[in-house]
N, C-alpha and C. Protein backbone atom coordinates (compact mmCIF):
# COMPACT_ATOMS: atom_id res chain seq x y z
N ARG A 1 -6.97 5.55 10.83
CA ARG A 1 -5.65 5.77 10.22
C ARG A 1 -4.63 6.18 11.33
N GLU A 2 -5.02 7.05 12.20
CA GLU A 2 -4.10 7.58 13.26
C GLU A 2 -3.65 6.51 14.15
N TRP A 3 -4.59 5.51 14.50
CA TRP A 3 -4.23 4.40 15.40
C TRP A 3 -3.29 3.50 14.68
N VAL A 4 -3.53 3.23 13.45
CA VAL A 4 -2.64 2.33 12.70
C VAL A 4 -1.25 2.91 12.53
N LEU A 5 -1.16 4.21 12.19
CA LEU A 5 0.05 4.90 12.03
C LEU A 5 0.88 4.79 13.35
N GLU A 6 0.20 5.05 14.48
CA GLU A 6 0.91 4.91 15.81
C GLU A 6 1.41 3.53 16.00
N ALA A 7 0.57 2.53 15.67
CA ALA A 7 1.00 1.11 15.85
C ALA A 7 2.18 0.68 15.01
N VAL A 8 2.22 1.14 13.73
CA VAL A 8 3.35 0.73 12.81
C VAL A 8 4.62 1.45 13.27
N ARG A 9 4.48 2.71 13.80
CA ARG A 9 5.62 3.38 14.35
C ARG A 9 6.30 2.61 15.40
N GLN A 10 5.54 1.88 16.18
CA GLN A 10 6.10 1.06 17.35
C GLN A 10 6.47 -0.33 16.86
N LYS A 11 5.72 -0.92 15.96
CA LYS A 11 6.05 -2.27 15.46
C LYS A 11 5.57 -2.30 14.02
N GLY A 12 6.45 -2.31 13.07
CA GLY A 12 6.11 -2.13 11.66
C GLY A 12 5.18 -3.26 11.15
N ASN A 13 5.36 -4.55 11.76
CA ASN A 13 4.54 -5.59 11.23
C ASN A 13 3.10 -5.46 11.71
N ALA A 14 2.76 -4.42 12.46
CA ALA A 14 1.34 -4.23 12.82
C ALA A 14 0.56 -3.85 11.61
N LEU A 15 1.20 -3.53 10.57
CA LEU A 15 0.55 -3.28 9.23
C LEU A 15 -0.33 -4.44 8.84
N SER A 16 0.18 -5.64 9.18
CA SER A 16 -0.63 -6.86 8.77
C SER A 16 -2.01 -6.86 9.31
N PHE A 17 -2.32 -6.13 10.41
CA PHE A 17 -3.58 -6.06 11.02
C PHE A 17 -4.40 -4.90 10.56
N ALA A 18 -3.90 -4.11 9.66
CA ALA A 18 -4.60 -2.93 9.08
C ALA A 18 -5.60 -3.29 8.12
N ALA A 19 -6.65 -2.47 7.94
CA ALA A 19 -7.58 -2.71 6.87
C ALA A 19 -6.95 -2.57 5.44
N GLU A 20 -7.41 -3.35 4.50
CA GLU A 20 -6.71 -3.30 3.17
C GLU A 20 -6.45 -1.99 2.63
N PRO A 21 -7.39 -1.04 2.63
CA PRO A 21 -7.15 0.30 2.08
C PRO A 21 -5.90 0.94 2.69
N LEU A 22 -5.65 0.71 3.94
CA LEU A 22 -4.47 1.31 4.66
C LEU A 22 -3.19 0.67 4.21
N LYS A 23 -3.19 -0.47 3.67
CA LYS A 23 -2.04 -1.11 3.18
C LYS A 23 -1.58 -0.58 1.87
N ALA A 24 -2.37 0.25 1.30
CA ALA A 24 -2.08 1.04 0.16
C ALA A 24 -1.76 2.52 0.34
N ASP A 25 -1.76 2.88 1.66
CA ASP A 25 -1.42 4.26 2.10
C ASP A 25 0.13 4.37 2.14
N ARG A 26 0.65 5.18 1.23
CA ARG A 26 2.13 5.20 1.09
C ARG A 26 2.75 5.72 2.37
N GLU A 27 2.22 6.82 2.93
CA GLU A 27 2.96 7.23 4.18
C GLU A 27 2.99 6.22 5.27
N LEU A 28 1.80 5.59 5.45
CA LEU A 28 1.67 4.54 6.49
C LEU A 28 2.66 3.38 6.25
N VAL A 29 2.69 2.92 4.99
CA VAL A 29 3.59 1.80 4.67
C VAL A 29 5.05 2.20 4.87
N LEU A 30 5.37 3.44 4.45
CA LEU A 30 6.69 3.90 4.58
C LEU A 30 7.11 3.91 6.07
N GLU A 31 6.21 4.33 6.95
CA GLU A 31 6.54 4.25 8.43
C GLU A 31 6.77 2.85 8.81
N ALA A 32 5.85 1.91 8.40
CA ALA A 32 6.01 0.51 8.75
C ALA A 32 7.34 -0.15 8.39
N VAL A 33 7.68 0.17 7.07
CA VAL A 33 8.95 -0.48 6.59
C VAL A 33 10.21 0.19 7.19
N ARG A 34 10.10 1.39 7.58
CA ARG A 34 11.23 2.01 8.33
C ARG A 34 11.50 1.25 9.70
N GLN A 35 10.39 0.72 10.25
CA GLN A 35 10.57 0.12 11.47
C GLN A 35 10.86 -1.37 11.30
N ASP A 36 10.21 -1.98 10.26
CA ASP A 36 10.37 -3.36 10.03
C ASP A 36 10.25 -3.59 8.54
N GLY A 37 11.37 -3.87 7.89
CA GLY A 37 11.38 -4.01 6.40
C GLY A 37 10.41 -5.17 5.93
N ASN A 38 10.14 -6.12 6.76
CA ASN A 38 9.30 -7.20 6.40
C ASN A 38 7.87 -6.72 6.19
N ALA A 39 7.49 -5.54 6.69
CA ALA A 39 6.16 -5.02 6.60
C ALA A 39 5.81 -4.94 5.07
N LEU A 40 6.81 -4.90 4.26
CA LEU A 40 6.54 -4.73 2.85
C LEU A 40 5.73 -5.92 2.31
N ARG A 41 5.84 -7.06 2.90
CA ARG A 41 5.18 -8.29 2.52
C ARG A 41 3.61 -8.13 2.47
N VAL A 42 3.06 -7.21 3.30
CA VAL A 42 1.60 -7.00 3.36
C VAL A 42 1.19 -5.75 2.72
N ALA A 43 2.14 -5.02 2.20
CA ALA A 43 1.81 -3.80 1.48
C ALA A 43 1.18 -4.07 0.15
N ALA A 44 0.35 -3.16 -0.30
CA ALA A 44 -0.36 -3.25 -1.67
C ALA A 44 0.68 -3.47 -2.66
N ASP A 45 0.36 -4.21 -3.71
CA ASP A 45 1.24 -4.51 -4.88
C ASP A 45 1.77 -3.25 -5.43
N LEU A 46 1.05 -2.19 -5.57
CA LEU A 46 1.50 -0.92 -6.14
C LEU A 46 2.64 -0.37 -5.42
N LEU A 47 2.55 -0.50 -4.03
CA LEU A 47 3.69 0.08 -3.23
C LEU A 47 4.90 -0.80 -3.26
N ARG A 48 4.78 -2.03 -3.58
CA ARG A 48 5.96 -2.88 -3.77
C ARG A 48 6.79 -2.50 -4.98
N ALA A 49 6.21 -1.65 -5.87
CA ALA A 49 6.86 -1.17 -7.07
C ALA A 49 7.46 0.27 -6.84
N ASP A 50 7.24 0.77 -5.63
CA ASP A 50 7.69 2.15 -5.26
C ASP A 50 9.15 2.02 -4.84
N ARG A 51 10.06 2.58 -5.73
CA ARG A 51 11.50 2.46 -5.46
C ARG A 51 11.91 2.97 -4.08
N GLU A 52 11.46 4.19 -3.76
CA GLU A 52 11.87 4.79 -2.50
C GLU A 52 11.43 3.94 -1.28
N LEU A 53 10.16 3.47 -1.30
CA LEU A 53 9.61 2.66 -0.26
C LEU A 53 10.40 1.31 -0.15
N VAL A 54 10.65 0.69 -1.23
CA VAL A 54 11.32 -0.60 -1.23
C VAL A 54 12.78 -0.39 -0.75
N LEU A 55 13.49 0.76 -1.14
CA LEU A 55 14.73 0.98 -0.67
C LEU A 55 14.73 1.12 0.85
N GLU A 56 13.82 1.81 1.41
CA GLU A 56 13.69 1.82 2.88
C GLU A 56 13.62 0.51 3.52
N ALA A 57 12.79 -0.28 2.85
CA ALA A 57 12.55 -1.71 3.37
C ALA A 57 13.78 -2.51 3.37
N VAL A 58 14.49 -2.48 2.27
CA VAL A 58 15.72 -3.31 2.22
C VAL A 58 16.88 -2.88 3.04
N ARG A 59 16.86 -1.62 3.28
CA ARG A 59 17.87 -1.02 4.20
C ARG A 59 17.66 -1.49 5.65
N GLN A 60 16.43 -1.80 5.93
CA GLN A 60 16.06 -2.23 7.31
C GLN A 60 16.19 -3.80 7.33
N ASN A 61 15.79 -4.46 6.22
CA ASN A 61 15.78 -5.83 6.16
C ASN A 61 16.01 -6.26 4.71
N GLY A 62 17.14 -6.76 4.31
CA GLY A 62 17.52 -7.09 2.95
C GLY A 62 16.60 -8.09 2.33
N GLU A 63 16.04 -8.95 3.13
CA GLU A 63 15.12 -9.99 2.53
C GLU A 63 13.78 -9.41 2.10
N ALA A 64 13.52 -8.18 2.35
CA ALA A 64 12.32 -7.52 1.81
C ALA A 64 12.36 -7.46 0.30
N LEU A 65 13.59 -7.64 -0.28
CA LEU A 65 13.74 -7.67 -1.73
C LEU A 65 12.91 -8.82 -2.40
N SER A 66 12.64 -9.86 -1.58
CA SER A 66 11.87 -11.03 -2.08
C SER A 66 10.43 -10.64 -2.54
N VAL A 67 9.94 -9.58 -1.99
CA VAL A 67 8.50 -9.18 -2.41
C VAL A 67 8.46 -7.94 -3.19
N ALA A 68 9.60 -7.42 -3.55
CA ALA A 68 9.65 -6.22 -4.36
C ALA A 68 9.13 -6.52 -5.81
N ALA A 69 8.65 -5.56 -6.42
CA ALA A 69 8.19 -5.69 -7.90
C ALA A 69 9.46 -6.17 -8.69
N GLU A 70 9.25 -7.08 -9.68
CA GLU A 70 10.31 -7.62 -10.53
C GLU A 70 11.29 -6.54 -11.05
N PRO A 71 10.87 -5.42 -11.55
CA PRO A 71 11.85 -4.49 -12.14
C PRO A 71 12.83 -3.94 -11.00
N LEU A 72 12.37 -3.88 -9.88
CA LEU A 72 13.23 -3.39 -8.77
C LEU A 72 14.26 -4.50 -8.38
N LYS A 73 14.05 -5.67 -8.65
CA LYS A 73 15.01 -6.70 -8.37
C LYS A 73 16.20 -6.68 -9.26
N ALA A 74 16.10 -5.85 -10.37
CA ALA A 74 17.18 -5.56 -11.28
C ALA A 74 17.82 -4.25 -11.09
N ASP A 75 17.40 -3.58 -10.02
CA ASP A 75 17.96 -2.25 -9.79
C ASP A 75 19.24 -2.36 -8.96
N ARG A 76 20.35 -2.07 -9.54
CA ARG A 76 21.64 -2.40 -9.05
C ARG A 76 21.87 -1.72 -7.59
N GLU A 77 21.52 -0.51 -7.46
CA GLU A 77 21.70 0.27 -6.25
C GLU A 77 20.81 -0.39 -5.12
N LEU A 78 19.57 -0.71 -5.42
CA LEU A 78 18.62 -1.20 -4.54
C LEU A 78 19.06 -2.62 -4.03
N VAL A 79 19.49 -3.41 -5.03
CA VAL A 79 19.92 -4.73 -4.68
C VAL A 79 21.25 -4.69 -3.79
N LEU A 80 22.07 -3.80 -4.12
CA LEU A 80 23.37 -3.64 -3.29
C LEU A 80 23.08 -3.34 -1.89
N HIS A 81 22.06 -2.40 -1.59
CA HIS A 81 21.66 -2.10 -0.26
C HIS A 81 21.07 -3.41 0.44
N ALA A 82 20.25 -4.15 -0.29
CA ALA A 82 19.68 -5.31 0.24
C ALA A 82 20.77 -6.29 0.68
N VAL A 83 21.73 -6.54 -0.19
CA VAL A 83 22.77 -7.50 0.01
C VAL A 83 23.70 -7.03 1.13
N ARG A 84 23.93 -5.82 1.22
CA ARG A 84 24.75 -5.31 2.24
C ARG A 84 24.08 -5.53 3.69
N GLN A 85 22.84 -5.43 3.63
CA GLN A 85 22.10 -5.59 4.87
C GLN A 85 22.00 -7.11 5.16
N ASN A 86 21.82 -7.91 4.16
CA ASN A 86 21.73 -9.35 4.40
C ASN A 86 22.17 -10.04 3.12
N GLY A 87 23.33 -10.79 3.17
CA GLY A 87 23.78 -11.40 1.98
C GLY A 87 22.87 -12.34 1.36
N GLN A 88 21.95 -12.97 2.15
CA GLN A 88 20.96 -13.88 1.61
C GLN A 88 20.06 -13.27 0.68
N ALA A 89 19.94 -11.97 0.62
CA ALA A 89 19.01 -11.28 -0.32
C ALA A 89 19.43 -11.44 -1.70
N LEU A 90 20.68 -11.83 -1.95
CA LEU A 90 21.16 -11.95 -3.36
C LEU A 90 20.29 -13.03 -4.13
N GLN A 91 19.81 -13.98 -3.42
CA GLN A 91 18.92 -14.97 -4.14
C GLN A 91 17.65 -14.37 -4.73
N TYR A 92 17.22 -13.24 -4.35
CA TYR A 92 16.01 -12.56 -4.88
C TYR A 92 16.37 -11.57 -5.97
N ALA A 93 17.61 -11.31 -6.15
CA ALA A 93 18.11 -10.32 -7.25
C ALA A 93 17.75 -11.00 -8.57
N ALA A 94 17.64 -10.11 -9.58
CA ALA A 94 17.46 -10.48 -10.97
C ALA A 94 18.70 -11.32 -11.37
N ALA A 95 18.50 -12.23 -12.27
CA ALA A 95 19.63 -13.19 -12.72
C ALA A 95 20.77 -12.38 -13.23
N LEU A 96 20.58 -11.33 -13.92
CA LEU A 96 21.61 -10.43 -14.42
C LEU A 96 22.54 -10.01 -13.34
N LEU A 97 22.00 -9.54 -12.21
CA LEU A 97 22.79 -9.07 -11.09
C LEU A 97 23.39 -10.22 -10.31
N ARG A 98 22.78 -11.43 -10.26
CA ARG A 98 23.37 -12.54 -9.57
C ARG A 98 24.60 -13.01 -10.31
N ALA A 99 24.64 -12.71 -11.61
CA ALA A 99 25.80 -13.13 -12.42
C ALA A 99 26.97 -12.04 -12.44
N ASP A 100 26.68 -10.95 -11.83
CA ASP A 100 27.70 -9.87 -11.86
C ASP A 100 28.74 -10.05 -10.77
């Protein structure tokens, strides 16, 4: 775990090389998405529904919204952060917000 934590602090997408159980480690994934929001793509499904974690990911890379749990794609504040970071993220927002 220590080696993987150090690796994701340097390059978030190093999470893709971690053992599956570590991809469900909240602290480790949080460090990864702070460095590279795209690291959310390889995180465990349960963590893709973690609002705080997804918010960190979209602040770093708005397109991380594409792999967020469906309920979070309807979260106005979260989607706003994603779109501010990258306007293209709007395509991943819930239909209700795309019509707003």
